[in-house]
């Protein structure tokens, strides 16, 4: 496991020289880490089947329906209060199917760690909740407010049970659980064209895979990074087949 070190000014400067594109995005007041749906669209055709893990409050779910009105969307959110908000925002959208559970690398009961207060926008780390516990070294300003029991399921088991034989696009906001979940996705992963996922360079979550391992593993699964917006600590990558 890599040594737990904090980034020095020299490391920050070196990264800035390697990734001037991210600095340019910041200078233009654009979120350096965000990948927009219009950037994803060229990799999808027709009426895509979308799987979303970590729907939070349903904002991205609604955005998918606006960008792809004919899409079929399967969305997962295990926190009961947040799932209720997803239902409120999407109950009128016939193409959205909602699941109050967590995707994972195994099926069964699981412990889900809620960070901060999801209802308070000023709460540190409110969207950092995960099946993995926080690493106290790299996330000292955040705290787990409670741990709850949730139902978890693998993509393979879910797809088999729901007779889903195709997923064109995955949007994974799982705070460290993305790679193990994909490794347990089963045959349906072979149908996937693009995957948007959060990626960390530092171990915010105990035992989570980091940038180099994720990129290497995704290549072995048949995907390469088309858009990489991971900064010194974390960010997002769009992987495409």
Protein backbone atom coordinates (compact mmCIF):
# COMPACT_ATOMS: atom_id res chain seq x y z
CA UNK A 1 0.00 0.00 0.00
CA UNK A 2 1.44 3.45 -0.88
CA UNK A 3 2.78 5.54 1.99
CA UNK A 4 0.30 8.13 3.21
CA UNK A 5 1.91 11.49 2.42
CA UNK A 6 0.49 14.94 1.81
CA UNK A 7 1.27 16.85 -1.39
CA UNK A 8 4.12 19.35 -1.15
CA UNK A 9 4.28 22.65 -3.02
CA UNK A 10 6.80 21.06 -5.38
CA UNK A 11 4.37 18.22 -6.15
CA UNK A 12 1.58 20.72 -6.75
CA UNK A 13 3.77 22.75 -9.12
CA UNK A 14 4.87 19.62 -10.97
CA UNK A 15 1.26 18.51 -11.41
CA UNK A 16 0.29 21.96 -12.68
CA UNK A 17 2.99 21.75 -15.35
CA UNK A 18 1.82 18.28 -16.40
CA UNK A 19 -1.86 19.25 -16.53
CA UNK A 20 -2.17 22.85 -17.82
CA UNK A 21 -5.59 21.89 -19.20
CA UNK A 22 -6.97 21.63 -15.66
CA UNK A 23 -5.43 24.97 -14.70
CA UNK A 24 -7.04 26.54 -17.76
CA UNK A 25 -10.43 25.21 -16.72
CA UNK A 26 -10.01 26.74 -13.27
CA UNK A 27 -8.94 30.06 -14.78
CA UNK A 28 -12.14 30.06 -16.84
CA UNK A 29 -14.16 29.46 -13.66
CA UNK A 30 -15.00 25.95 -14.86
CA UNK A 31 -14.97 23.05 -12.44
CA UNK A 32 -11.66 21.32 -13.11
CA UNK A 33 -13.00 17.91 -12.08
CA UNK A 34 -16.39 17.86 -13.79
CA UNK A 35 -17.16 16.02 -17.02
CA UNK A 36 -20.29 17.32 -18.74
CA UNK A 37 -22.93 15.22 -20.44
CA UNK A 38 -22.35 16.98 -23.75
CA UNK A 39 -18.79 15.61 -23.58
CA UNK A 40 -20.12 12.11 -23.00
CA UNK A 41 -22.74 12.26 -25.76
CA UNK A 42 -20.36 11.58 -28.71
CA UNK A 43 -19.64 8.14 -27.25
CA UNK A 44 -23.32 7.14 -27.12
CA UNK A 45 -25.80 6.62 -29.91
CA UNK A 46 -29.53 6.00 -30.20
CA UNK A 47 -31.49 5.59 -26.98
CA UNK A 48 -28.89 4.66 -24.37
CA UNK A 49 -29.45 2.40 -21.39
CA UNK A 50 -27.90 4.19 -18.40
CA UNK A 51 -26.98 2.80 -14.99
CA UNK A 52 -26.41 5.36 -12.23
CA UNK A 53 -24.93 4.37 -8.86
CA UNK A 54 -25.01 6.96 -6.10
CA UNK A 55 -27.94 9.08 -7.29
CA UNK A 56 -27.73 11.30 -4.18
CA UNK A 57 -30.65 13.76 -4.59
CA UNK A 58 -31.57 12.86 -8.18
CA UNK A 59 -30.06 15.93 -9.85
CA UNK A 60 -27.91 13.92 -12.26
CA UNK A 61 -30.79 11.51 -12.89
CA UNK A 62 -32.96 14.35 -14.14
CA UNK A 63 -30.07 15.70 -16.23
CA UNK A 64 -29.77 12.33 -17.98
CA UNK A 65 -33.44 12.43 -19.00
CA UNK A 66 -33.05 15.96 -20.35
CA UNK A 67 -29.92 15.13 -22.36
CA UNK A 68 -31.26 11.77 -23.60
CA UNK A 69 -35.09 11.91 -23.53
CA UNK A 70 -35.43 8.38 -24.94
CA UNK A 71 -32.94 6.81 -22.54
CA UNK A 72 -33.76 4.05 -20.07
CA UNK A 73 -32.24 4.87 -16.70
CA UNK A 74 -31.65 2.55 -13.75
CA UNK A 75 -30.65 4.52 -10.67
CA UNK A 76 -29.44 3.34 -7.24
CA UNK A 77 -29.37 5.25 -3.94
CA UNK A 78 -29.12 3.39 -0.59
CA UNK A 79 -29.66 6.27 1.89
CA UNK A 80 -33.41 6.33 2.66
CA UNK A 81 -33.73 10.13 2.95
CA UNK A 82 -31.88 10.64 -0.33
CA UNK A 83 -33.81 7.89 -2.10
CA UNK A 84 -37.03 9.66 -1.09
CA UNK A 85 -35.69 12.83 -2.74
CA UNK A 86 -34.79 10.88 -5.89
CA UNK A 87 -38.35 9.53 -5.98
CA UNK A 88 -39.79 13.01 -5.52
CA UNK A 89 -37.76 14.40 -8.41
CA UNK A 90 -38.21 11.52 -10.83
CA UNK A 91 -41.57 9.88 -10.07
CA UNK A 92 -43.10 11.55 -13.14
CA UNK A 93 -40.35 10.22 -15.44
CA UNK A 94 -41.45 6.91 -16.94
CA UNK A 95 -37.99 6.03 -18.23
CA UNK A 96 -36.43 6.05 -14.73
CA UNK A 97 -36.40 2.93 -12.55
CA UNK A 98 -35.27 3.49 -8.96
CA UNK A 99 -33.62 1.06 -6.53
CA UNK A 100 -33.15 1.79 -2.79
CA UNK A 101 -29.95 -0.19 -2.54
CA UNK A 102 -26.19 0.01 -3.08
CA UNK A 103 -24.27 -1.54 -5.93
CA UNK A 104 -21.26 -3.45 -4.65
CA UNK A 105 -18.88 -6.35 -5.29
CA UNK A 106 -21.13 -8.72 -3.29
CA UNK A 107 -24.84 -9.20 -2.77
CA UNK A 108 -26.36 -9.07 0.70
CA UNK A 109 -26.70 -6.80 3.74
CA UNK A 110 -23.94 -4.20 4.03
CA UNK A 111 -22.91 -1.30 6.24
CA UNK A 112 -23.11 2.12 4.60
CA UNK A 113 -21.22 5.03 6.17
CA UNK A 114 -22.99 8.40 5.95
CA UNK A 115 -20.61 11.37 6.04
CA UNK A 116 -21.83 14.71 7.37
CA UNK A 117 -25.41 15.80 6.83
CA UNK A 118 -26.73 15.14 3.29
CA UNK A 119 -29.44 17.77 3.82
CA UNK A 120 -26.96 20.54 4.69
CA UNK A 121 -25.04 21.93 1.72
CA UNK A 122 -22.39 23.37 4.05
CA UNK A 123 -21.75 20.02 5.73
CA UNK A 124 -18.16 18.84 4.99
CA UNK A 125 -18.12 15.74 2.80
CA UNK A 126 -21.90 15.41 2.62
CA UNK A 127 -21.61 13.60 -0.74
CA UNK A 128 -18.69 11.40 0.40
CA UNK A 129 -20.82 8.64 1.92
CA UNK A 130 -19.66 5.15 1.00
CA UNK A 131 -19.66 1.45 1.75
CA UNK A 132 -16.01 2.06 2.67
CA UNK A 133 -15.12 3.83 5.93
CA UNK A 134 -13.26 7.13 5.77
CA UNK A 135 -9.50 7.16 6.17
CA UNK A 136 -8.84 9.40 9.18
CA UNK A 137 -5.45 10.57 7.85
CA UNK A 138 -6.72 12.03 4.59
CA UNK A 139 -10.20 13.08 5.66
CA UNK A 140 -9.73 14.67 9.11
CA UNK A 141 -12.19 17.47 8.35
CA UNK A 142 -14.99 15.01 7.63
CA UNK A 143 -16.76 12.66 10.00
CA UNK A 144 -19.10 9.71 9.69
CA UNK A 145 -22.39 10.88 11.18
CA UNK A 146 -23.93 7.42 11.22
CA UNK A 147 -23.57 3.93 9.78
CA UNK A 148 -26.69 2.22 8.50
CA UNK A 149 -27.55 -1.24 7.22
CA UNK A 150 -28.44 -1.32 3.53
CA UNK A 151 -29.10 -3.94 0.91
CA UNK A 152 -26.24 -4.32 -1.57
CA UNK A 153 -26.23 -6.13 -4.89
CA UNK A 154 -23.74 -6.82 -7.66
CA UNK A 155 -24.44 -5.54 -11.15
CA UNK A 156 -24.35 -9.16 -12.33
CA UNK A 157 -27.03 -10.30 -9.88
CA UNK A 158 -29.18 -7.23 -10.50
CA UNK A 159 -28.95 -7.55 -14.29
CA UNK A 160 -29.83 -11.24 -14.13
CA UNK A 161 -32.79 -10.63 -11.82
CA UNK A 162 -34.13 -7.72 -13.88
CA UNK A 163 -33.42 -9.33 -17.29
CA UNK A 164 -31.16 -6.43 -18.27
CA UNK A 165 -28.81 -7.56 -21.02
CA UNK A 166 -27.39 -4.19 -22.04
CA UNK A 167 -25.95 -1.13 -20.33
CA UNK A 168 -24.54 1.49 -22.67
CA UNK A 169 -23.33 3.99 -20.09
CA UNK A 170 -22.52 3.83 -16.38
CA UNK A 171 -22.32 6.90 -14.15
CA UNK A 172 -20.64 5.73 -10.94
CA UNK A 173 -20.35 8.03 -7.92
CA UNK A 174 -19.53 5.40 -5.31
CA UNK A 175 -16.67 6.92 -3.33
CA UNK A 176 -14.04 4.22 -3.69
CA UNK A 177 -16.29 1.28 -4.58
CA UNK A 178 -16.33 1.80 -8.34
CA UNK A 179 -13.57 -0.63 -9.34
CA UNK A 180 -14.57 -3.63 -7.17
CA UNK A 181 -18.16 -3.16 -8.30
CA UNK A 182 -17.15 -3.20 -11.96
CA UNK A 183 -15.03 -6.31 -11.46
CA UNK A 184 -18.17 -8.07 -10.20
CA UNK A 185 -20.38 -6.74 -13.00
CA UNK A 186 -20.49 -9.98 -14.95
CA UNK A 187 -21.32 -10.41 -18.67
CA UNK A 188 -23.31 -7.17 -19.03
CA UNK A 189 -20.07 -5.16 -18.71
CA UNK A 190 -19.12 -6.35 -22.21
CA UNK A 191 -22.05 -4.33 -23.60
CA UNK A 192 -20.95 -1.06 -21.97
CA UNK A 193 -19.52 1.69 -24.17
CA UNK A 194 -18.61 4.34 -21.60
CA UNK A 195 -18.15 4.64 -17.83
CA UNK A 196 -17.94 7.89 -15.87
CA UNK A 197 -16.43 7.33 -12.44
CA UNK A 198 -14.88 9.13 -9.51
CA UNK A 199 -11.18 8.43 -9.03
CA UNK A 200 -8.92 9.25 -6.08
CA UNK A 201 -5.18 9.83 -5.91
CA UNK A 202 -5.19 9.75 -2.09
CA UNK A 203 -6.84 7.21 0.16
CA UNK A 204 -9.88 9.12 1.40
CA UNK A 205 -11.50 5.73 2.03
CA UNK A 206 -9.80 2.86 3.78
CA UNK A 207 -8.54 0.32 1.25
CA UNK A 208 -9.87 2.07 -1.86
CA UNK A 209 -8.10 1.64 -5.19
CA UNK A 210 -6.18 4.71 -6.34
CA UNK A 211 -5.57 6.34 -9.72
CA UNK A 212 -2.80 4.15 -11.17
CA UNK A 213 -4.47 0.88 -10.15
CA UNK A 214 -7.83 2.03 -11.50
CA UNK A 215 -6.49 3.11 -14.89
CA UNK A 216 -4.49 -0.13 -15.24
CA UNK A 217 -7.45 -2.29 -14.20
CA UNK A 218 -9.85 -0.48 -16.50
CA UNK A 219 -7.50 -1.07 -19.41
CA UNK A 220 -7.51 -4.77 -18.57
CA UNK A 221 -11.32 -4.65 -18.68
CA UNK A 222 -11.19 -3.13 -22.17
CA UNK A 223 -11.57 0.59 -21.39
CA UNK A 224 -9.22 3.55 -21.81
CA UNK A 225 -9.47 7.08 -20.36
CA UNK A 226 -11.00 9.41 -22.95
CA UNK A 227 -11.34 12.37 -20.56
CA UNK A 228 -9.20 12.58 -17.41
CA UNK A 229 -10.03 15.31 -14.90
CA UNK A 230 -8.39 13.93 -11.78
CA UNK A 231 -6.50 16.62 -9.86
CA UNK A 232 -3.98 16.13 -7.06
CA UNK A 233 -6.52 14.51 -4.74
CA UNK A 234 -9.52 13.31 -6.73
CA UNK A 235 -11.65 13.92 -9.79
CA UNK A 236 -13.47 12.11 -12.59
CA UNK A 237 -12.51 10.03 -15.60
CA UNK A 238 -14.61 9.05 -18.59
CA UNK A 239 -13.51 5.58 -19.70
CA UNK A 240 -14.61 4.34 -23.11
CA UNK A 241 -14.37 0.99 -24.82
